[in-house]
Amino acid sequence: MTNKVYCNLTLVGGDFSRSEYGIAMPKQWIYKKYLDVIILSLRESGVLDDLKRKWFEGNICQQSFSSDTSTSINIIAMTGLLLTFSGISILSLVLHA
């Protein structure tokens, strides 16, 4: 999982790494065969498996925090958000009137 690097991330929901993926491209795209060959060679050489292992499997983080604890945001940290929201609200009311 990505919490190898970012230890505070938690996977929520089902494991999506076992599903199939698709790449959107225009019909009759001239590079389609080239892309297919590259993806197939990455799969055969094991690069895709290495990337999957790197980002979606295992956990090497040291658990330095308890999962029962949480940090709260105090009012000082929310002041910027509150001022921004208030300013945009006032501006939208002035422009609407």
C-alpha atoms as a PDB file:
ATOM      1  CA  MET A   1       0.000   0.000   0.000  1.00  0.00           C
ATOM      2  CA  THR A   2       1.061   3.569  -0.358  1.00  0.00           C
ATOM      3  CA  ASN A   3       1.508   3.730   3.397  1.00  0.00           C
ATOM      4  CA  LYS A   4       5.015   2.348   2.860  1.00  0.00           C
ATOM      5  CA  VAL A   5       6.050   5.932   2.219  1.00  0.00           C
ATOM      6  CA  TYR A   6       3.129   7.801   3.732  1.00  0.00           C
ATOM      7  CA  CYS A   7       2.515   5.947   6.976  1.00  0.00           C
ATOM      8  CA  ASN A   8      -0.609   7.887   7.911  1.00  0.00           C
ATOM      9  CA  LEU A   9      -2.657   6.640   4.925  1.00  0.00           C
ATOM     10  CA  THR A  10      -5.323   3.981   5.348  1.00  0.00           C
ATOM     11  CA  LEU A  11      -6.942   1.945   2.590  1.00  0.00           C
ATOM     12  CA  VAL A  12     -10.701   2.345   2.767  1.00  0.00           C
ATOM     13  CA  GLY A  13     -12.983  -0.041   0.943  1.00  0.00           C
ATOM     14  CA  GLY A  14     -12.095  -3.033  -1.163  1.00  0.00           C
ATOM     15  CA  ASP A  15      -8.828  -3.836  -2.836  1.00  0.00           C
ATOM     16  CA  PHE A  16      -8.981  -2.193  -6.246  1.00  0.00           C
ATOM     17  CA  SER A  17      -5.598  -3.438  -7.409  1.00  0.00           C
ATOM     18  CA  ARG A  18      -7.060  -6.780  -8.513  1.00  0.00           C
ATOM     19  CA  SER A  19      -9.353  -5.282 -11.120  1.00  0.00           C
ATOM     20  CA  GLU A  20      -8.715  -4.682 -14.783  1.00  0.00           C
ATOM     21  CA  TYR A  21      -7.698  -1.290 -16.100  1.00  0.00           C
ATOM     22  CA  GLY A  22      -8.342   0.476 -19.356  1.00  0.00           C
ATOM     23  CA  ILE A  23      -6.727   3.349 -21.190  1.00  0.00           C
ATOM     24  CA  ALA A  24      -8.972   5.701 -23.140  1.00  0.00           C
ATOM     25  CA  MET A  25      -7.746   6.475 -26.627  1.00  0.00           C
ATOM     26  CA  PRO A  26      -9.282   7.595 -29.914  1.00  0.00           C
ATOM     27  CA  LYS A  27     -10.565   5.000 -32.349  1.00  0.00           C
ATOM     28  CA  GLN A  28      -7.983   3.943 -34.913  1.00  0.00           C
ATOM     29  CA  TRP A  29      -5.195   5.600 -32.893  1.00  0.00           C
ATOM     30  CA  ILE A  30      -1.931   5.105 -34.757  1.00  0.00           C
ATOM     31  CA  TYR A  31       0.066   4.353 -31.597  1.00  0.00           C
ATOM     32  CA  LYS A  32      -2.288   1.667 -30.212  1.00  0.00           C
ATOM     33  CA  LYS A  33      -0.174  -1.306 -31.319  1.00  0.00           C
ATOM     34  CA  TYR A  34       2.984   0.384 -30.024  1.00  0.00           C
ATOM     35  CA  LEU A  35       1.334   0.968 -26.625  1.00  0.00           C
ATOM     36  CA  ASP A  36       0.071  -2.628 -26.515  1.00  0.00           C
ATOM     37  CA  VAL A  37       3.592  -3.946 -27.153  1.00  0.00           C
ATOM     38  CA  ILE A  38       5.092  -1.722 -24.451  1.00  0.00           C
ATOM     39  CA  ILE A  39       2.488  -2.737 -21.855  1.00  0.00           C
ATOM     40  CA  LEU A  40       2.935  -6.406 -22.725  1.00  0.00           C
ATOM     41  CA  SER A  41       6.720  -6.138 -22.426  1.00  0.00           C
ATOM     42  CA  LEU A  42       6.372  -4.387 -19.037  1.00  0.00           C
ATOM     43  CA  ARG A  43       4.099  -7.188 -17.863  1.00  0.00           C
ATOM     44  CA  GLU A  44       6.407  -9.946 -19.138  1.00  0.00           C
ATOM     45  CA  SER A  45       9.544  -8.363 -17.670  1.00  0.00           C
ATOM     46  CA  GLY A  46       7.915  -8.071 -14.249  1.00  0.00           C
ATOM     47  CA  VAL A  47       7.995  -4.271 -14.055  1.00  0.00           C
ATOM     48  CA  LEU A  48       4.225  -4.050 -13.534  1.00  0.00           C
ATOM     49  CA  ASP A  49       4.407  -6.638 -10.738  1.00  0.00           C
ATOM     50  CA  ASP A  50       7.238  -4.686  -9.103  1.00  0.00           C
ATOM     51  CA  LEU A  51       5.191  -1.484  -9.227  1.00  0.00           C
ATOM     52  CA  LYS A  52       2.178  -3.277  -7.782  1.00  0.00           C
ATOM     53  CA  ARG A  53       4.284  -4.668  -4.937  1.00  0.00           C
ATOM     54  CA  LYS A  54       5.868  -1.276  -4.306  1.00  0.00           C
ATOM     55  CA  TRP A  55       2.616   0.691  -4.077  1.00  0.00           C
ATOM     56  CA  PHE A  56      -0.098  -1.763  -3.048  1.00  0.00           C
ATOM     57  CA  GLU A  57       1.430  -4.494  -0.892  1.00  0.00           C
ATOM     58  CA  GLY A  58       3.095  -4.681   2.483  1.00  0.00           C
ATOM     59  CA  ASN A  59       3.704  -2.211   5.252  1.00  0.00           C
ATOM     60  CA  ILE A  60       7.166  -1.265   6.491  1.00  0.00           C
ATOM     61  CA  CYS A  61       6.167   1.771   8.560  1.00  0.00           C
ATOM     62  CA  GLN A  62       6.904   1.816  12.242  1.00  0.00           C
ATOM     63  CA  GLN A  63       3.658   2.242  14.121  1.00  0.00           C
ATOM     64  CA  SER A  64       4.617   5.299  16.140  1.00  0.00           C
ATOM     65  CA  PHE A  65       1.024   6.281  16.740  1.00  0.00           C
ATOM     66  CA  SER A  66      -2.069   4.562  18.016  1.00  0.00           C
ATOM     67  CA  SER A  67      -4.974   4.090  15.642  1.00  0.00           C
ATOM     68  CA  ASP A  68      -7.323   5.114  18.462  1.00  0.00           C
ATOM     69  CA  THR A  69      -5.909   8.621  18.648  1.00  0.00           C
ATOM     70  CA  SER A  70      -6.788  11.426  16.321  1.00  0.00           C
ATOM     71  CA  THR A  71      -5.669  14.964  15.938  1.00  0.00           C
ATOM     72  CA  SER A  72      -8.183  17.760  15.894  1.00  0.00           C
ATOM     73  CA  ILE A  73      -8.000  21.046  14.072  1.00  0.00           C
ATOM     74  CA  ASN A  74      -8.177  24.040  16.347  1.00  0.00           C
ATOM     75  CA  ILE A  75      -9.902  27.334  15.527  1.00  0.00           C
ATOM     76  CA  ILE A  76      -6.622  29.089  14.738  1.00  0.00           C
ATOM     77  CA  ALA A  77      -5.898  26.601  11.970  1.00  0.00           C
ATOM     78  CA  MET A  78      -9.390  27.118  10.573  1.00  0.00           C
ATOM     79  CA  THR A  79      -9.164  30.936  10.527  1.00  0.00           C
ATOM     80  CA  GLY A  80      -7.732  31.100   7.004  1.00  0.00           C
ATOM     81  CA  LEU A  81     -10.433  28.827   5.644  1.00  0.00           C
ATOM     82  CA  LEU A  82     -13.148  30.792   7.432  1.00  0.00           C
ATOM     83  CA  LEU A  83     -11.837  34.129   6.135  1.00  0.00           C
ATOM     84  CA  THR A  84     -11.555  32.805   2.584  1.00  0.00           C
ATOM     85  CA  PHE A  85     -15.072  31.383   2.656  1.00  0.00           C
ATOM     86  CA  SER A  86     -16.452  34.614   4.136  1.00  0.00           C
ATOM     87  CA  GLY A  87     -14.675  36.757   1.544  1.00  0.00           C
ATOM     88  CA  ILE A  88     -15.926  34.678  -1.369  1.00  0.00           C
ATOM     89  CA  SER A  89     -19.463  34.663   0.039  1.00  0.00           C
ATOM     90  CA  ILE A  90     -19.507  38.449   0.434  1.00  0.00           C
ATOM     91  CA  LEU A  91     -18.024  38.940  -3.039  1.00  0.00           C
ATOM     92  CA  SER A  92     -20.637  36.656  -4.598  1.00  0.00           C
ATOM     93  CA  LEU A  93     -23.442  38.524  -2.820  1.00  0.00           C
ATOM     94  CA  VAL A  94     -22.104  41.887  -4.030  1.00  0.00           C
ATOM     95  CA  LEU A  95     -21.734  40.670  -7.608  1.00  0.00           C
ATOM     96  CA  HIS A  96     -25.169  39.062  -7.597  1.00  0.00           C
ATOM     97  CA  ALA A  97     -26.949  42.190  -6.358  1.00  0.00           C
END
